[in-house]
C-alpha cells in the first residue's frame, strides 16, 4: 500500500465526502466526519497542508473498517 505523500486535510475531507462521510463539525484545525450507514462511525481529520503518513494510514484504515472494504479500495477512491 503506497500512501500519497502530499495529501492535504482538505483533500482528504473531500475524498471522504465522496465515500459517504458528512462533515458534522469543525473545532480549530480539525474536522469531524461522520458516516451514518452501514453503522455510525466518526473520523477526526486534521486540516494540515500535508497529513503525516502515520496519521493518514490510520485514517484510511479506520475508514476501510467503517465501510467494510479494503484499504486498497479506499486508497483507489481517494487518489
C-alpha atoms as a PDB file:
ATOM      1  CA  UNK A   1       0.000   0.000   0.000  1.00  0.00           C
ATOM      2  CA  UNK A   2       1.652   3.198  -1.197  1.00  0.00           C
ATOM      3  CA  UNK A   3       0.236   6.279   0.521  1.00  0.00           C
ATOM      4  CA  UNK A   4       0.139   9.690  -1.133  1.00  0.00           C
ATOM      5  CA  UNK A   5       2.796  11.901   0.477  1.00  0.00           C
ATOM      6  CA  UNK A   6       1.256  15.303  -0.131  1.00  0.00           C
ATOM      7  CA  UNK A   7      -2.429  14.771   0.644  1.00  0.00           C
ATOM      8  CA  UNK A   8      -3.820  17.771   2.498  1.00  0.00           C
ATOM      9  CA  UNK A   9      -6.536  17.672   5.112  1.00  0.00           C
ATOM     10  CA  UNK A  10      -8.956  19.492   2.800  1.00  0.00           C
ATOM     11  CA  UNK A  11      -8.301  16.921   0.045  1.00  0.00           C
ATOM     12  CA  UNK A  12      -8.950  14.062   2.472  1.00  0.00           C
ATOM     13  CA  UNK A  13     -12.185  15.691   3.682  1.00  0.00           C
ATOM     14  CA  UNK A  14     -13.368  15.979   0.055  1.00  0.00           C
ATOM     15  CA  UNK A  15     -12.448  12.342  -0.623  1.00  0.00           C
ATOM     16  CA  UNK A  16     -14.261  11.143   2.490  1.00  0.00           C
ATOM     17  CA  UNK A  17     -17.360  13.072   1.405  1.00  0.00           C
ATOM     18  CA  UNK A  18     -17.265  11.149  -1.900  1.00  0.00           C
ATOM     19  CA  UNK A  19     -17.186   7.921   0.139  1.00  0.00           C
ATOM     20  CA  UNK A  20     -20.319   8.853   2.086  1.00  0.00           C
ATOM     21  CA  UNK A  21     -18.991  10.710   5.121  1.00  0.00           C
ATOM     22  CA  UNK A  22     -20.514  14.049   6.138  1.00  0.00           C
ATOM     23  CA  UNK A  23     -18.753  16.916   7.859  1.00  0.00           C
ATOM     24  CA  UNK A  24     -20.514  17.309  11.213  1.00  0.00           C
ATOM     25  CA  UNK A  25     -18.386  19.925  12.927  1.00  0.00           C
ATOM     26  CA  UNK A  26     -15.061  21.720  12.996  1.00  0.00           C
ATOM     27  CA  UNK A  27     -13.011  22.706  16.024  1.00  0.00           C
ATOM     28  CA  UNK A  28      -9.973  24.793  15.138  1.00  0.00           C
ATOM     29  CA  UNK A  29      -7.851  22.891  12.667  1.00  0.00           C
ATOM     30  CA  UNK A  30      -9.701  19.562  12.966  1.00  0.00           C
ATOM     31  CA  UNK A  31     -12.833  18.412  11.129  1.00  0.00           C
ATOM     32  CA  UNK A  32     -15.164  15.715  12.456  1.00  0.00           C
ATOM     33  CA  UNK A  33     -16.529  13.438   9.731  1.00  0.00           C
ATOM     34  CA  UNK A  34     -19.490  11.119  10.392  1.00  0.00           C
ATOM     35  CA  UNK A  35     -20.649   8.055   8.484  1.00  0.00           C
ATOM     36  CA  UNK A  36     -24.274   7.076   9.117  1.00  0.00           C
ATOM     37  CA  UNK A  37     -24.523   3.882   7.049  1.00  0.00           C
ATOM     38  CA  UNK A  38     -23.858   0.893   7.425  1.00  0.00           C
ATOM     39  CA  UNK A  39     -23.284   1.942  11.055  1.00  0.00           C
ATOM     40  CA  UNK A  40     -22.489   5.251  12.678  1.00  0.00           C
ATOM     41  CA  UNK A  41     -18.767   5.996  12.803  1.00  0.00           C
ATOM     42  CA  UNK A  42     -16.608   9.085  13.235  1.00  0.00           C
ATOM     43  CA  UNK A  43     -13.215  10.232  11.962  1.00  0.00           C
ATOM     44  CA  UNK A  44     -11.329  13.353  13.021  1.00  0.00           C
ATOM     45  CA  UNK A  45      -9.240  14.799  10.187  1.00  0.00           C
ATOM     46  CA  UNK A  46      -6.526  17.408  10.800  1.00  0.00           C
ATOM     47  CA  UNK A  47      -6.592  20.256   8.277  1.00  0.00           C
ATOM     48  CA  UNK A  48      -2.839  20.188   7.728  1.00  0.00           C
ATOM     49  CA  UNK A  49      -1.109  21.090   4.469  1.00  0.00           C
ATOM     50  CA  UNK A  50       0.256  17.553   4.321  1.00  0.00           C
ATOM     51  CA  UNK A  51      -1.118  14.904   6.673  1.00  0.00           C
ATOM     52  CA  UNK A  52       1.696  12.850   8.263  1.00  0.00           C
ATOM     53  CA  UNK A  53       1.901   9.361   6.765  1.00  0.00           C
ATOM     54  CA  UNK A  54       1.181   7.527  10.023  1.00  0.00           C
ATOM     55  CA  UNK A  55      -1.914   9.635  10.654  1.00  0.00           C
ATOM     56  CA  UNK A  56      -3.065   9.182   7.063  1.00  0.00           C
ATOM     57  CA  UNK A  57      -2.563   5.410   7.245  1.00  0.00           C
ATOM     58  CA  UNK A  58      -4.622   5.216  10.445  1.00  0.00           C
ATOM     59  CA  UNK A  59      -7.433   7.350   8.990  1.00  0.00           C
ATOM     60  CA  UNK A  60      -7.591   5.250   5.811  1.00  0.00           C
ATOM     61  CA  UNK A  61      -7.553   2.014   7.816  1.00  0.00           C
ATOM     62  CA  UNK A  62     -10.390   3.279  10.037  1.00  0.00           C
ATOM     63  CA  UNK A  63     -12.415   4.398   7.001  1.00  0.00           C
ATOM     64  CA  UNK A  64     -11.956   0.973   5.390  1.00  0.00           C
ATOM     65  CA  UNK A  65     -13.164  -0.711   8.582  1.00  0.00           C
ATOM     66  CA  UNK A  66     -16.203   1.584   8.808  1.00  0.00           C
ATOM     67  CA  UNK A  67     -17.094   0.980   5.148  1.00  0.00           C
ATOM     68  CA  UNK A  68     -16.483  -2.807   5.365  1.00  0.00           C
ATOM     69  CA  UNK A  69     -13.994  -2.695   2.497  1.00  0.00           C
ATOM     70  CA  UNK A  70     -10.246  -2.989   1.969  1.00  0.00           C
ATOM     71  CA  UNK A  71      -7.612  -0.324   2.476  1.00  0.00           C
ATOM     72  CA  UNK A  72      -6.637  -0.611  -1.195  1.00  0.00           C
ATOM     73  CA  UNK A  73     -10.221   0.091  -2.264  1.00  0.00           C
ATOM     74  CA  UNK A  74     -10.380   3.234  -0.112  1.00  0.00           C
ATOM     75  CA  UNK A  75      -6.986   4.374  -1.429  1.00  0.00           C
ATOM     76  CA  UNK A  76      -8.096   3.951  -5.035  1.00  0.00           C
ATOM     77  CA  UNK A  77     -11.116   6.185  -4.384  1.00  0.00           C
ATOM     78  CA  UNK A  78      -9.034   8.837  -2.606  1.00  0.00           C
ATOM     79  CA  UNK A  79      -6.492   9.278  -5.392  1.00  0.00           C
END
